[in-house]
Amino acid sequence: MIVVSHTHSLSCDIDRHGQRLFHYVMDGTTMDNDEWGERKKRLVNRIFKSSYHFCLWLEQRGQTLKERGLSEKDYAPAGSSFPLRIRNVGIAGAVTVSGLPHEKDHALVVDEIRRFLIKP
């Protein structure tokens, strides 16, 4: 479990196919956090898998975004953006966090989704 303290600076975004439903930034974040998050979210909305999944997929194949026909200006293969799948509906949007090293961003989102899903 990742514990987020006041020493971390995170941005969090939840959207529904481009419509922002929730956005929060902690003190210490910058526009860079939001822009980085947007690039990760754009990737999720294109491939319908987590941004970290695509990051690892590229690494495994020794490929770059450019080799896959995607612009680094528009997409970021790094951890922390997840598609929100709803049973019998499909992809309903994405949740994205930015501010920690990308593996920890990813772990934070996984932990919080897991915690939400096991609530009684």
N, C-alpha and C. Protein backbone atom coordinates (compact mmCIF):
# COMPACT_ATOMS: atom_id res chain seq x y z
N MET A 1 0.84 -1.18 0.00
CA MET A 1 0.00 0.00 0.00
C MET A 1 0.89 1.24 0.00
N ILE A 2 0.57 2.20 -0.83
CA ILE A 2 1.27 3.48 -0.90
C ILE A 2 0.55 4.44 0.05
N VAL A 3 1.30 5.04 0.92
CA VAL A 3 0.72 6.04 1.82
C VAL A 3 1.08 7.41 1.27
N VAL A 4 0.07 8.21 1.02
CA VAL A 4 0.29 9.56 0.50
C VAL A 4 0.26 10.52 1.67
N SER A 5 1.31 11.26 1.83
CA SER A 5 1.38 12.21 2.93
C SER A 5 1.42 13.63 2.39
N HIS A 6 1.46 14.56 3.30
CA HIS A 6 1.50 15.97 2.89
C HIS A 6 2.81 16.31 2.19
N THR A 7 3.79 15.41 2.23
CA THR A 7 5.05 15.67 1.54
C THR A 7 4.98 15.31 0.06
N HIS A 8 3.93 14.61 -0.35
CA HIS A 8 3.74 14.27 -1.76
C HIS A 8 2.93 15.36 -2.44
N SER A 9 3.16 15.51 -3.71
CA SER A 9 2.39 16.45 -4.52
C SER A 9 1.79 15.69 -5.69
N LEU A 10 0.49 15.44 -5.62
CA LEU A 10 -0.18 14.64 -6.63
C LEU A 10 -1.31 15.40 -7.29
N SER A 11 -1.59 15.03 -8.52
CA SER A 11 -2.82 15.45 -9.16
C SER A 11 -3.62 14.19 -9.45
N CYS A 12 -4.92 14.30 -9.37
CA CYS A 12 -5.81 13.16 -9.62
C CYS A 12 -6.94 13.62 -10.53
N ASP A 13 -7.27 12.80 -11.51
CA ASP A 13 -8.28 13.15 -12.49
C ASP A 13 -9.14 11.94 -12.80
N ILE A 14 -10.44 12.13 -12.86
CA ILE A 14 -11.37 11.08 -13.30
C ILE A 14 -12.21 11.69 -14.41
N ASP A 15 -12.26 10.99 -15.54
CA ASP A 15 -13.06 11.52 -16.64
C ASP A 15 -13.94 10.44 -17.25
N ARG A 16 -14.94 10.90 -17.97
CA ARG A 16 -15.84 10.02 -18.70
C ARG A 16 -15.76 10.43 -20.16
N HIS A 17 -14.93 9.71 -20.91
CA HIS A 17 -14.74 9.96 -22.34
C HIS A 17 -14.53 11.45 -22.64
N GLY A 18 -13.56 12.04 -21.94
CA GLY A 18 -13.21 13.43 -22.20
C GLY A 18 -13.94 14.44 -21.35
N GLN A 19 -14.98 14.04 -20.64
CA GLN A 19 -15.70 14.95 -19.75
C GLN A 19 -15.13 14.78 -18.35
N ARG A 20 -14.52 15.83 -17.82
CA ARG A 20 -13.91 15.76 -16.50
C ARG A 20 -14.99 15.66 -15.43
N LEU A 21 -14.91 14.60 -14.62
CA LEU A 21 -15.85 14.40 -13.52
C LEU A 21 -15.25 14.83 -12.19
N PHE A 22 -13.93 14.69 -12.07
CA PHE A 22 -13.24 15.03 -10.82
C PHE A 22 -11.81 15.42 -11.16
N HIS A 23 -11.34 16.46 -10.50
CA HIS A 23 -9.94 16.87 -10.66
C HIS A 23 -9.49 17.50 -9.36
N TYR A 24 -8.37 17.02 -8.85
CA TYR A 24 -7.83 17.57 -7.61
C TYR A 24 -6.32 17.64 -7.73
N VAL A 25 -5.76 18.75 -7.28
CA VAL A 25 -4.31 18.90 -7.25
C VAL A 25 -3.89 19.29 -5.84
N MET A 26 -2.85 18.65 -5.36
CA MET A 26 -2.31 18.96 -4.04
C MET A 26 -1.34 20.12 -4.17
N ASP A 27 -1.11 20.79 -3.07
CA ASP A 27 -0.08 21.84 -3.05
C ASP A 27 1.23 21.25 -3.54
N GLY A 28 1.95 22.02 -4.32
CA GLY A 28 3.25 21.58 -4.83
C GLY A 28 3.19 21.00 -6.23
N THR A 29 1.97 20.77 -6.76
CA THR A 29 1.88 20.29 -8.14
C THR A 29 2.04 21.46 -9.09
N THR A 30 2.33 21.14 -10.32
CA THR A 30 2.48 22.16 -11.35
C THR A 30 1.65 21.75 -12.57
N MET A 31 1.63 22.61 -13.55
CA MET A 31 0.96 22.27 -14.81
C MET A 31 1.56 21.02 -15.43
N ASP A 32 2.84 20.76 -15.16
CA ASP A 32 3.49 19.57 -15.70
C ASP A 32 2.79 18.29 -15.24
N ASN A 33 2.34 18.26 -13.96
CA ASN A 33 1.61 17.08 -13.48
C ASN A 33 0.35 16.87 -14.31
N ASP A 34 -0.39 17.94 -14.54
CA ASP A 34 -1.63 17.83 -15.32
C ASP A 34 -1.35 17.43 -16.76
N GLU A 35 -0.34 18.03 -17.38
CA GLU A 35 -0.02 17.71 -18.77
C GLU A 35 0.46 16.26 -18.90
N TRP A 36 1.27 15.81 -17.97
CA TRP A 36 1.76 14.43 -17.98
C TRP A 36 0.58 13.49 -17.82
N GLY A 37 -0.32 13.79 -16.89
CA GLY A 37 -1.52 12.98 -16.69
C GLY A 37 -2.40 12.93 -17.93
N GLU A 38 -2.55 14.05 -18.61
CA GLU A 38 -3.37 14.09 -19.83
C GLU A 38 -2.79 13.18 -20.91
N ARG A 39 -1.46 13.16 -21.03
CA ARG A 39 -0.83 12.30 -22.03
C ARG A 39 -1.02 10.82 -21.70
N LYS A 40 -0.96 10.47 -20.42
CA LYS A 40 -1.20 9.08 -20.01
C LYS A 40 -2.66 8.71 -20.24
N LYS A 41 -3.56 9.62 -19.88
CA LYS A 41 -4.99 9.37 -20.05
C LYS A 41 -5.35 9.22 -21.53
N ARG A 42 -4.75 10.04 -22.37
CA ARG A 42 -5.00 9.96 -23.81
C ARG A 42 -4.59 8.57 -24.34
N LEU A 43 -3.50 8.03 -23.81
CA LEU A 43 -3.06 6.70 -24.22
C LEU A 43 -4.09 5.64 -23.80
N VAL A 44 -4.57 5.72 -22.56
CA VAL A 44 -5.58 4.78 -22.07
C VAL A 44 -6.84 4.84 -22.93
N ASN A 45 -7.26 6.03 -23.27
CA ASN A 45 -8.47 6.19 -24.07
C ASN A 45 -8.28 5.70 -25.51
N ARG A 46 -7.04 5.51 -25.90
CA ARG A 46 -6.76 5.00 -27.25
C ARG A 46 -6.62 3.47 -27.26
N ILE A 47 -5.96 2.92 -26.23
CA ILE A 47 -5.66 1.47 -26.24
C ILE A 47 -6.57 0.66 -25.31
N PHE A 48 -7.34 1.32 -24.44
CA PHE A 48 -8.27 0.67 -23.52
C PHE A 48 -7.58 -0.28 -22.54
N LYS A 49 -6.34 0.01 -22.20
CA LYS A 49 -5.58 -0.71 -21.18
C LYS A 49 -4.85 0.34 -20.35
N SER A 50 -4.30 -0.06 -19.21
CA SER A 50 -3.59 0.91 -18.38
C SER A 50 -2.35 1.44 -19.10
N SER A 51 -1.97 2.65 -18.75
CA SER A 51 -0.79 3.25 -19.35
C SER A 51 0.47 2.46 -18.97
N TYR A 52 0.48 1.89 -17.77
CA TYR A 52 1.64 1.09 -17.34
C TYR A 52 1.72 -0.21 -18.13
N HIS A 53 0.58 -0.81 -18.42
CA HIS A 53 0.54 -2.02 -19.25
C HIS A 53 1.23 -1.74 -20.59
N PHE A 54 0.89 -0.61 -21.20
CA PHE A 54 1.48 -0.27 -22.50
C PHE A 54 2.97 0.03 -22.35
N CYS A 55 3.36 0.67 -21.25
CA CYS A 55 4.77 0.96 -20.97
C CYS A 55 5.57 -0.35 -20.94
N LEU A 56 5.08 -1.32 -20.18
CA LEU A 56 5.77 -2.61 -20.07
C LEU A 56 5.75 -3.37 -21.39
N TRP A 57 4.65 -3.26 -22.13
CA TRP A 57 4.51 -3.90 -23.43
C TRP A 57 5.58 -3.37 -24.39
N LEU A 58 5.75 -2.04 -24.41
CA LEU A 58 6.78 -1.44 -25.27
C LEU A 58 8.17 -1.90 -24.85
N GLU A 59 8.45 -1.86 -23.54
CA GLU A 59 9.76 -2.28 -23.04
C GLU A 59 10.06 -3.72 -23.42
N GLN A 60 9.08 -4.59 -23.27
CA GLN A 60 9.25 -6.00 -23.58
C GLN A 60 9.63 -6.21 -25.05
N ARG A 61 9.10 -5.38 -25.91
CA ARG A 61 9.37 -5.51 -27.34
C ARG A 61 10.53 -4.63 -27.82
N GLY A 62 11.08 -3.82 -26.92
CA GLY A 62 12.16 -2.92 -27.30
C GLY A 62 11.72 -1.86 -28.29
N GLN A 63 10.47 -1.41 -28.16
CA GLN A 63 9.92 -0.44 -29.09
C GLN A 63 9.67 0.91 -28.40
N THR A 64 9.46 1.91 -29.22
CA THR A 64 9.13 3.24 -28.74
C THR A 64 7.73 3.61 -29.20
N LEU A 65 7.21 4.68 -28.63
CA LEU A 65 5.91 5.20 -29.09
C LEU A 65 5.95 5.50 -30.58
N LYS A 66 7.01 6.16 -31.00
CA LYS A 66 7.13 6.56 -32.41
C LYS A 66 7.05 5.35 -33.34
N GLU A 67 7.71 4.25 -32.93
CA GLU A 67 7.67 3.04 -33.74
C GLU A 67 6.26 2.45 -33.80
N ARG A 68 5.42 2.78 -32.84
CA ARG A 68 4.03 2.33 -32.83
C ARG A 68 3.11 3.35 -33.48
N GLY A 69 3.69 4.43 -34.04
CA GLY A 69 2.90 5.44 -34.74
C GLY A 69 2.25 6.46 -33.82
N LEU A 70 2.76 6.59 -32.60
CA LEU A 70 2.19 7.53 -31.64
C LEU A 70 3.20 8.61 -31.27
N SER A 71 2.72 9.81 -31.07
CA SER A 71 3.57 10.96 -30.75
C SER A 71 3.83 11.07 -29.25
N GLU A 72 5.09 11.28 -28.88
CA GLU A 72 5.43 11.51 -27.46
C GLU A 72 4.83 12.82 -26.96
N LYS A 73 4.53 13.72 -27.86
CA LYS A 73 3.91 14.98 -27.47
C LYS A 73 2.48 14.74 -26.96
N ASP A 74 1.81 13.73 -27.51
CA ASP A 74 0.41 13.47 -27.20
C ASP A 74 0.17 12.31 -26.25
N TYR A 75 1.12 11.37 -26.17
CA TYR A 75 0.92 10.15 -25.38
C TYR A 75 2.11 9.90 -24.47
N ALA A 76 1.85 9.29 -23.30
CA ALA A 76 2.91 8.95 -22.36
C ALA A 76 2.73 7.53 -21.85
N PRO A 77 3.63 6.63 -22.24
CA PRO A 77 3.55 5.26 -21.73
C PRO A 77 4.25 5.17 -20.38
N ALA A 78 3.52 5.53 -19.34
CA ALA A 78 4.05 5.50 -17.97
C ALA A 78 2.90 5.18 -17.04
N GLY A 79 3.22 4.69 -15.88
CA GLY A 79 2.20 4.22 -14.95
C GLY A 79 1.26 5.28 -14.42
N SER A 80 0.03 4.86 -14.18
CA SER A 80 -0.97 5.53 -13.35
C SER A 80 -2.27 5.94 -14.00
N SER A 81 -2.50 5.65 -15.23
CA SER A 81 -3.81 5.92 -15.79
C SER A 81 -4.47 4.59 -16.12
N PHE A 82 -5.73 4.44 -15.68
CA PHE A 82 -6.46 3.19 -15.82
C PHE A 82 -7.78 3.42 -16.51
N PRO A 83 -8.17 2.50 -17.39
CA PRO A 83 -9.53 2.57 -17.93
C PRO A 83 -10.51 2.14 -16.84
N LEU A 84 -11.65 2.79 -16.80
CA LEU A 84 -12.71 2.41 -15.87
C LEU A 84 -13.70 1.55 -16.63
N ARG A 85 -13.68 0.27 -16.35
CA ARG A 85 -14.57 -0.70 -17.03
C ARG A 85 -15.75 -1.00 -16.12
N ILE A 86 -16.92 -0.96 -16.70
CA ILE A 86 -18.13 -1.29 -15.97
C ILE A 86 -18.76 -2.51 -16.63
N ARG A 87 -19.03 -3.50 -15.80
CA ARG A 87 -19.61 -4.75 -16.31
C ARG A 87 -20.88 -4.46 -17.10
N ASN A 88 -21.01 -5.09 -18.23
CA ASN A 88 -22.16 -4.95 -19.14
C ASN A 88 -22.27 -3.56 -19.77
N VAL A 89 -21.25 -2.72 -19.59
CA VAL A 89 -21.23 -1.39 -20.20
C VAL A 89 -19.98 -1.22 -21.06
N GLY A 90 -18.82 -1.55 -20.50
CA GLY A 90 -17.55 -1.37 -21.19
C GLY A 90 -16.74 -0.26 -20.56
N ILE A 91 -15.89 0.35 -21.35
CA ILE A 91 -15.03 1.43 -20.85
C ILE A 91 -15.89 2.68 -20.65
N ALA A 92 -15.88 3.18 -19.42
CA ALA A 92 -16.69 4.35 -19.09
C ALA A 92 -15.85 5.60 -18.90
N GLY A 93 -14.53 5.46 -18.87
CA GLY A 93 -13.67 6.62 -18.67
C GLY A 93 -12.30 6.17 -18.17
N ALA A 94 -11.63 7.07 -17.45
CA ALA A 94 -10.29 6.78 -16.96
C ALA A 94 -10.05 7.52 -15.65
N VAL A 95 -9.20 6.92 -14.82
CA VAL A 95 -8.72 7.57 -13.60
C VAL A 95 -7.21 7.69 -13.76
N THR A 96 -6.67 8.86 -13.41
CA THR A 96 -5.26 9.14 -13.63
C THR A 96 -4.68 9.87 -12.43
N VAL A 97 -3.47 9.48 -12.03
CA VAL A 97 -2.74 10.14 -10.95
C VAL A 97 -1.38 10.52 -11.50
N SER A 98 -0.83 11.63 -11.02
CA SER A 98 0.50 12.04 -11.44
C SER A 98 1.20 12.75 -10.28
N GLY A 99 2.46 12.42 -10.08
CA GLY A 99 3.23 13.11 -9.06
C GLY A 99 4.31 12.26 -8.41
N LEU A 100 4.10 10.96 -8.35
CA LEU A 100 5.10 10.04 -7.80
C LEU A 100 5.86 9.41 -8.96
N PRO A 101 6.94 8.66 -8.69
CA PRO A 101 7.52 7.86 -9.76
C PRO A 101 6.42 6.98 -10.36
N HIS A 102 6.46 6.76 -11.65
CA HIS A 102 5.30 6.18 -12.32
C HIS A 102 4.89 4.81 -11.78
N GLU A 103 5.84 3.99 -11.30
CA GLU A 103 5.47 2.70 -10.72
C GLU A 103 4.64 2.91 -9.45
N LYS A 104 4.99 3.93 -8.67
CA LYS A 104 4.25 4.22 -7.43
C LYS A 104 2.91 4.87 -7.74
N ASP A 105 2.85 5.70 -8.77
CA ASP A 105 1.56 6.23 -9.23
C ASP A 105 0.63 5.06 -9.56
N HIS A 106 1.16 4.09 -10.30
CA HIS A 106 0.39 2.92 -10.71
C HIS A 106 -0.10 2.15 -9.47
N ALA A 107 0.82 1.89 -8.55
CA ALA A 107 0.47 1.13 -7.34
C ALA A 107 -0.60 1.86 -6.52
N LEU A 108 -0.51 3.17 -6.46
CA LEU A 108 -1.49 3.96 -5.73
C LEU A 108 -2.88 3.78 -6.32
N VAL A 109 -2.99 3.88 -7.63
CA VAL A 109 -4.29 3.72 -8.29
C VAL A 109 -4.81 2.30 -8.09
N VAL A 110 -3.95 1.30 -8.24
CA VAL A 110 -4.36 -0.10 -8.05
C VAL A 110 -4.89 -0.29 -6.63
N ASP A 111 -4.14 0.20 -5.64
CA ASP A 111 -4.56 0.05 -4.24
C ASP A 111 -5.91 0.71 -3.97
N GLU A 112 -6.10 1.90 -4.52
CA GLU A 112 -7.36 2.61 -4.25
C GLU A 112 -8.55 1.98 -4.98
N ILE A 113 -8.34 1.50 -6.19
CA ILE A 113 -9.42 0.80 -6.90
C ILE A 113 -9.76 -0.48 -6.15
N ARG A 114 -8.74 -1.21 -5.73
CA ARG A 114 -8.97 -2.44 -4.97
C ARG A 114 -9.75 -2.14 -3.69
N ARG A 115 -9.35 -1.11 -2.98
CA ARG A 115 -10.03 -0.74 -1.73
C ARG A 115 -11.50 -0.38 -2.01
N PHE A 116 -11.74 0.32 -3.10
CA PHE A 116 -13.11 0.70 -3.46
C PHE A 116 -13.95 -0.54 -3.79
N LEU A 117 -13.37 -1.47 -4.53
CA LEU A 117 -14.12 -2.65 -4.97
C LEU A 117 -14.43 -3.63 -3.84
N ILE A 118 -13.64 -3.65 -2.79
CA ILE A 118 -13.91 -4.60 -1.70
C ILE A 118 -14.70 -3.97 -0.56
N LYS A 119 -15.12 -2.71 -0.72
CA LYS A 119 -15.97 -2.10 0.30
C LYS A 119 -17.27 -2.85 0.38
N PRO A 120 -17.79 -3.07 1.61
CA PRO A 120 -19.09 -3.77 1.74
C PRO A 120 -20.23 -2.90 1.24
